[in-house]
Protein backbone atom coordinates (compact mmCIF):
# COMPACT_ATOMS: atom_id res chain seq x y z
CA MET A 1 0.00 0.00 0.00
CA LYS A 2 1.34 3.40 -0.97
CA SER A 3 1.45 6.38 1.32
CA GLU A 4 1.81 10.11 0.98
CA LYS A 5 4.95 11.51 -0.66
CA GLU A 6 5.56 15.20 -0.17
CA ILE A 7 7.37 16.99 -3.01
CA THR A 8 8.69 20.50 -3.72
CA LEU A 9 7.95 22.36 -6.96
CA ALA A 10 9.59 25.16 -8.91
CA ASN A 11 8.85 28.76 -8.03
CA GLY A 12 5.88 29.94 -10.06
CA TYR A 13 6.97 33.56 -10.27
CA VAL A 14 10.16 32.68 -12.13
CA MET A 15 8.28 30.60 -14.68
CA LEU A 16 5.62 33.30 -14.98
CA PHE A 17 8.33 35.81 -15.90
CA VAL A 18 9.72 33.35 -18.48
CA VAL A 19 6.27 32.83 -20.04
CA ILE A 20 5.59 36.58 -20.18
CA ALA A 21 8.97 37.17 -21.73
CA ALA A 22 8.34 34.43 -24.31
CA ILE A 23 4.96 35.91 -25.22
CA ALA A 24 6.49 39.38 -25.53
CA ALA A 25 9.31 38.06 -27.73
CA LEU A 26 6.88 36.16 -29.96
CA THR A 27 4.62 39.21 -30.32
CA THR A 28 7.59 41.42 -31.16
CA ALA A 29 8.92 38.97 -33.76
CA ILE A 30 5.56 38.76 -35.51
CA PHE A 31 5.11 42.55 -35.40
CA ILE A 32 8.60 43.27 -36.80
CA THR A 33 8.82 40.56 -39.45
CA ARG A 34 5.16 40.52 -40.40
CA ASN A 35 5.67 36.79 -40.79
CA PRO A 36 2.96 34.57 -39.29
CA LYS A 37 5.26 31.52 -39.21
CA PHE A 38 6.26 32.44 -35.65
CA LEU A 39 2.72 31.63 -34.54
CA PHE A 40 3.66 27.94 -34.38
CA ALA A 41 5.32 28.68 -31.00
CA ALA A 42 2.14 30.14 -29.49
CA PRO A 43 0.50 26.78 -28.59
CA PHE A 44 3.66 25.66 -26.79
CA ILE A 45 3.81 28.85 -24.74
CA LEU A 46 0.11 28.82 -23.92
CA GLY A 47 0.39 25.11 -23.04
CA LEU A 48 2.57 26.07 -20.09
CA LEU A 49 -0.22 28.05 -18.40
CA PRO A 50 -2.01 25.02 -16.83
CA GLY A 51 1.23 24.29 -15.01
CA PHE A 52 0.74 27.24 -12.66
CA MET A 53 -1.03 26.66 -9.37
CA THR A 54 -1.40 28.14 -5.90
CA VAL A 55 -1.52 26.30 -2.58
CA ASN A 56 -3.24 28.10 0.28
CA PRO A 57 -2.37 27.70 3.99
CA ASN A 58 -3.60 24.40 5.45
CA SER A 59 -4.30 23.09 1.99
CA SER A 60 -2.55 20.70 -0.40
CA ARG A 61 -2.53 19.50 -3.98
CA VAL A 62 -2.31 15.83 -4.95
CA LEU A 63 -0.50 15.49 -8.29
CA VAL A 64 -1.29 12.67 -10.72
CA LEU A 65 0.26 12.13 -14.16
CA PHE A 66 -1.78 9.85 -16.45
CA GLY A 67 -3.02 7.76 -13.52
CA ALA A 68 0.31 7.63 -11.65
CA TYR A 69 0.62 9.33 -8.25
CA LYS A 70 3.57 11.72 -8.29
CA GLY A 71 3.35 13.38 -4.89
CA THR A 72 1.62 15.91 -2.69
CA VAL A 73 2.44 19.62 -2.40
CA LYS A 74 1.87 21.02 1.10
CA ASP A 75 4.06 24.14 0.89
CA ASN A 76 2.12 27.37 0.57
CA GLY A 77 2.67 29.70 -2.37
CA PHE A 78 2.68 30.03 -6.15
CA PHE A 79 4.26 27.14 -8.05
CA PHE A 80 4.87 25.75 -11.51
CA THR A 81 4.68 22.05 -12.34
CA ASN A 82 4.16 19.73 -15.28
CA PRO A 83 1.15 21.08 -17.21
CA PHE A 84 -0.10 17.52 -17.73
CA TYR A 85 -0.49 16.91 -14.00
CA THR A 86 -4.00 16.71 -12.60
CA LYS A 87 -4.11 18.65 -9.36
CA GLN A 88 -6.63 17.50 -6.73
CA LYS A 89 -7.25 19.84 -3.83
CA VAL A 90 -7.26 18.25 -0.37
CA SER A 91 -7.89 20.49 2.63
CA LEU A 92 -5.72 19.97 5.71
CA ARG A 93 -7.88 22.15 7.95
CA ALA A 94 -9.54 20.80 11.08
CA ARG A 95 -13.22 20.08 10.47
CA ASN A 96 -16.14 19.82 12.85
CA PHE A 97 -18.79 17.16 12.23
CA ASP A 98 -22.00 17.14 14.27
CA SER A 99 -23.74 13.87 13.49
CA GLU A 100 -27.48 13.41 13.28
CA ARG A 101 -29.35 12.09 16.29
CA VAL A 102 -29.92 8.40 15.77
CA LYS A 103 -32.20 6.04 17.66
CA VAL A 104 -30.36 2.94 18.86
CA ASN A 105 -30.65 0.38 21.65
CA ASP A 106 -28.24 0.50 24.55
CA LYS A 107 -26.62 -2.58 26.06
CA VAL A 108 -29.77 -3.59 27.96
CA GLY A 109 -32.10 -2.90 25.04
CA ASN A 110 -33.50 0.52 25.95
CA PRO A 111 -34.07 2.78 22.92
CA ILE A 112 -32.05 5.99 23.19
CA LEU A 113 -31.25 9.04 21.07
CA ILE A 114 -27.58 9.86 20.65
CA ASN A 115 -25.27 11.93 18.49
CA VAL A 116 -21.55 12.77 18.54
CA ILE A 117 -19.35 15.74 17.77
CA LEU A 118 -16.21 14.85 15.84
CA VAL A 119 -13.19 17.04 15.11
CA TRP A 120 -11.00 15.60 12.35
CA ARG A 121 -8.46 16.47 9.69
CA VAL A 122 -6.74 14.79 6.74
CA LYS A 123 -3.33 13.44 7.74
CA ASP A 124 -2.41 11.27 4.72
CA THR A 125 -3.52 12.83 1.44
CA TYR A 126 -2.78 9.72 -0.61
CA LYS A 127 -5.18 7.58 1.44
CA ALA A 128 -7.82 10.30 1.48
CA ALA A 129 -7.63 10.75 -2.29
CA PHE A 130 -7.24 7.15 -3.49
CA ASP A 131 -8.08 4.59 -0.76
CA VAL A 132 -11.73 5.72 -0.47
CA ASP A 133 -14.16 7.25 -2.94
CA VAL A 134 -15.18 10.44 -1.09
CA TYR A 135 -13.46 10.78 2.26
CA GLU A 136 -16.03 13.27 3.65
CA HIS A 137 -18.83 10.74 3.06
CA PHE A 138 -16.62 8.00 4.48
CA VAL A 139 -16.25 10.00 7.72
CA ARG A 140 -20.03 10.43 8.05
CA VAL A 141 -20.84 6.75 7.48
CA GLN A 142 -18.12 5.43 9.78
CA THR A 143 -19.07 7.88 12.51
CA ASP A 144 -22.66 6.65 12.39
CA ALA A 145 -21.46 3.03 12.60
CA ALA A 146 -19.17 3.83 15.54
CA VAL A 147 -22.00 5.55 17.42
CA ARG A 148 -24.27 2.54 17.00
CA LYS A 149 -21.56 0.17 18.21
CA LEU A 150 -20.74 2.40 21.17
CA ALA A 151 -24.38 2.69 22.28
CA GLY A 152 -24.75 -1.09 22.18
CA SER A 153 -21.68 -1.56 24.38
CA TYR A 154 -22.86 0.39 27.44
CA PRO A 155 -26.14 0.80 29.33
CA TYR A 156 -27.66 4.27 29.35
CA ASP A 157 -27.82 4.35 33.13
CA ASN A 158 -27.28 2.06 36.10
CA PHE A 159 -30.10 1.94 38.63
CA ASP A 160 -28.29 -0.50 40.93
CA GLU A 161 -25.97 1.51 43.18
CA GLU A 162 -24.07 -1.58 44.21
CA ARG A 163 -22.87 -2.08 40.64
CA LYS A 164 -20.23 0.32 39.37
CA ALA A 165 -20.45 -0.47 35.67
CA ILE A 166 -19.59 2.32 33.23
CA THR A 167 -22.68 3.88 31.67
CA LEU A 168 -23.25 6.32 28.84
CA ARG A 169 -24.59 8.96 31.22
CA SER A 170 -22.19 8.70 34.15
CA GLY A 171 -19.00 7.50 32.48
CA LEU A 172 -18.59 10.17 29.81
CA ALA A 173 -14.79 10.33 30.08
CA GLU A 174 -14.35 6.59 29.54
CA VAL A 175 -17.08 6.47 26.88
CA ASN A 176 -15.58 9.37 24.94
CA ASP A 177 -12.15 7.72 25.05
CA ALA A 178 -13.65 4.50 23.70
CA LEU A 179 -15.47 6.45 20.97
CA GLU A 180 -12.29 8.28 19.95
CA HIS A 181 -10.34 5.01 19.82
CA GLU A 182 -13.04 3.35 17.72
CA LEU A 183 -13.19 6.23 15.24
CA THR A 184 -9.40 6.43 15.00
CA GLU A 185 -9.27 2.78 13.92
CA ARG A 186 -12.14 3.14 11.46
CA LEU A 187 -10.91 6.34 9.80
CA ALA A 188 -7.24 5.38 9.56
CA ILE A 189 -7.92 3.64 6.23
CA ALA A 190 -8.83 7.05 4.76
CA GLY A 191 -5.82 8.85 6.24
CA ILE A 192 -8.02 10.74 8.72
CA GLU A 193 -6.69 11.92 12.08
CA VAL A 194 -9.26 12.17 14.89
CA THR A 195 -8.57 15.22 17.05
CA GLU A 196 -11.56 14.89 19.37
CA ALA A 197 -14.69 12.76 19.62
CA ARG A 198 -17.38 13.12 22.27
CA ILE A 199 -21.08 12.55 22.83
CA GLY A 200 -23.02 15.70 22.00
CA TYR A 201 -26.58 14.57 22.85
CA LEU A 202 -27.89 11.69 24.92
CA ALA A 203 -31.46 10.95 26.01
CA TYR A 204 -34.03 8.19 26.21
CA ALA A 205 -36.26 7.82 23.17
CA PRO A 206 -39.60 9.66 23.58
CA GLU A 207 -41.64 6.46 23.90
CA ILE A 208 -39.92 5.44 27.16
CA ALA A 209 -38.65 8.79 28.45
CA SER A 210 -41.62 9.30 30.81
CA SER A 211 -41.37 5.79 32.29
CA MET A 212 -37.63 6.07 32.78
CA LEU A 213 -38.05 9.43 34.49
CA LYS A 214 -40.46 7.86 36.97
CA ARG A 215 -38.00 5.04 37.52
CA GLN A 216 -35.18 7.49 38.20
CA GLN A 217 -37.40 9.39 40.64
CA ALA A 218 -38.33 6.16 42.41
CA VAL A 219 -34.68 5.16 42.72
CA ALA A 220 -33.85 8.59 44.12
CA ILE A 221 -36.68 8.37 46.67
CA VAL A 222 -35.68 4.87 47.80
CA SER A 223 -32.07 5.95 48.12
CA ALA A 224 -33.04 9.00 50.16
CA ARG A 225 -35.32 6.95 52.40
CA LYS A 226 -32.56 4.45 52.97
CA LYS A 227 -30.21 7.18 54.13
CA ILE A 228 -32.91 8.63 56.39
CA VAL A 229 -33.60 5.28 58.01
CA GLU A 230 -29.89 4.59 58.54
CA GLY A 231 -29.49 7.99 60.19
CA ALA A 232 -32.61 7.57 62.30
CA VAL A 233 -31.50 4.19 63.62
CA GLY A 234 -28.18 5.68 64.65
CA MET A 235 -29.89 8.60 66.38
CA VAL A 236 -32.28 6.30 68.28
CA GLU A 237 -29.40 4.10 69.35
CA ASP A 238 -27.42 7.10 70.59
CA ALA A 239 -30.45 8.54 72.41
CA LEU A 240 -31.24 5.32 74.26
CA GLU A 241 -27.59 4.80 75.16
CA LYS A 242 -27.24 8.38 76.40
CA LEU A 243 -30.39 8.20 78.54
CA THR A 244 -29.34 4.87 80.05
CA ASN A 245 -25.70 5.81 80.74
CA ASP A 246 -26.64 9.12 82.34
CA GLY A 247 -29.16 7.37 84.59
CA ILE A 248 -31.99 9.61 83.49
CA VAL A 249 -34.39 6.80 82.65
CA GLU A 250 -34.24 3.07 83.24
CA PHE A 251 -35.59 1.19 80.21
CA ASP A 252 -36.87 -2.34 80.04
CA ASN A 253 -37.38 -4.02 76.66
CA ASP A 254 -40.96 -2.76 76.29
CA LYS A 255 -39.98 0.83 77.07
CA LYS A 256 -37.05 0.65 74.67
CA ALA A 257 -39.34 -0.64 71.92
CA THR A 258 -41.88 2.11 72.57
CA MET A 259 -39.20 4.82 72.64
CA ALA A 260 -37.56 3.50 69.49
CA SER A 261 -40.90 3.30 67.70
CA ASN A 262 -41.85 6.86 68.61
CA LEU A 263 -38.44 8.27 67.61
CA MET A 264 -38.46 6.42 64.27
CA VAL A 265 -41.91 7.83 63.47
CA VAL A 266 -40.72 11.36 64.22
CA LEU A 267 -37.41 11.05 62.39
CA CYS A 268 -38.62 9.11 59.33
CA GLY A 269 -41.98 10.73 58.71
CA ASP A 270 -42.37 12.86 55.60
CA LYS A 271 -44.47 15.37 57.60
CA GLU A 272 -43.87 17.09 60.92
CA ALA A 273 -45.05 15.07 63.90
CA THR A 274 -47.81 16.51 66.13
CA PRO A 275 -46.79 16.17 69.76
CA VAL A 276 -49.24 14.65 72.31
CA ILE A 277 -48.71 15.70 75.91
CA ASN A 278 -49.01 12.78 78.32
CA THR A 279 -50.31 14.00 81.71
CA GLY A 280 -50.43 10.56 83.21
CA THR A 281 -47.80 7.90 83.61
CA LEU A 282 -45.56 6.57 80.88
CA HIS A 283 -47.76 3.48 80.66
CA GLN A 284 -50.91 5.42 79.74
């Protein structure tokens, strides 16, 4: 497999001066001699004009002579080359590609909407020009394929706190690294260098978005309640221990159960407790 070969061309300004001088000399000879036989040189002089070309910053020209690759010009300026060369422009500028939002299934089968933002540039002009048909279209297709593969490799979210699996929503750094690695491998065949690749949009598909929102809310409520109960148990334990150690109240098992029950109701209730003043004994 061939690769890029960078070449240097002749200065175009020097050749432009030579062509102008040749045209001036030919015109003068015809004017002085009044002999049209000098016109035979005109096609040869004019045939040199296609050899001039300019290369702008962050741009290049791929040169081909009758189907044979001759090299790539990356230097900026005005140049002269073989007039029979075909000169294909290949931009070396960084490009930004914002893919369309596609509906795919994540690792556990949930339909999601996802798109990526890709920053890329041409690194090898030979591969970009000859190893694929249209490298811009190649980038779009391969990016779409990489997004679908990535979405199927991770779950959108993890509702089990005990499991620390990487998800599309919570593990963006790892997911973006995996996406960039995948795109780098896919686009290398076209001589494309991936500068950055990251998820630009991520959401559940509309048909399940409402249900998943309720599920997330339920998980959040359960998690909060669990923390509340854990804290309440600790507070009840500390209260009973403090009262007993300080000799304020002597508790038997029934009293401990009653005290613990009352404190748990106060501490875990979602509304403020209404106190009831007991004017009798503790057993009433």
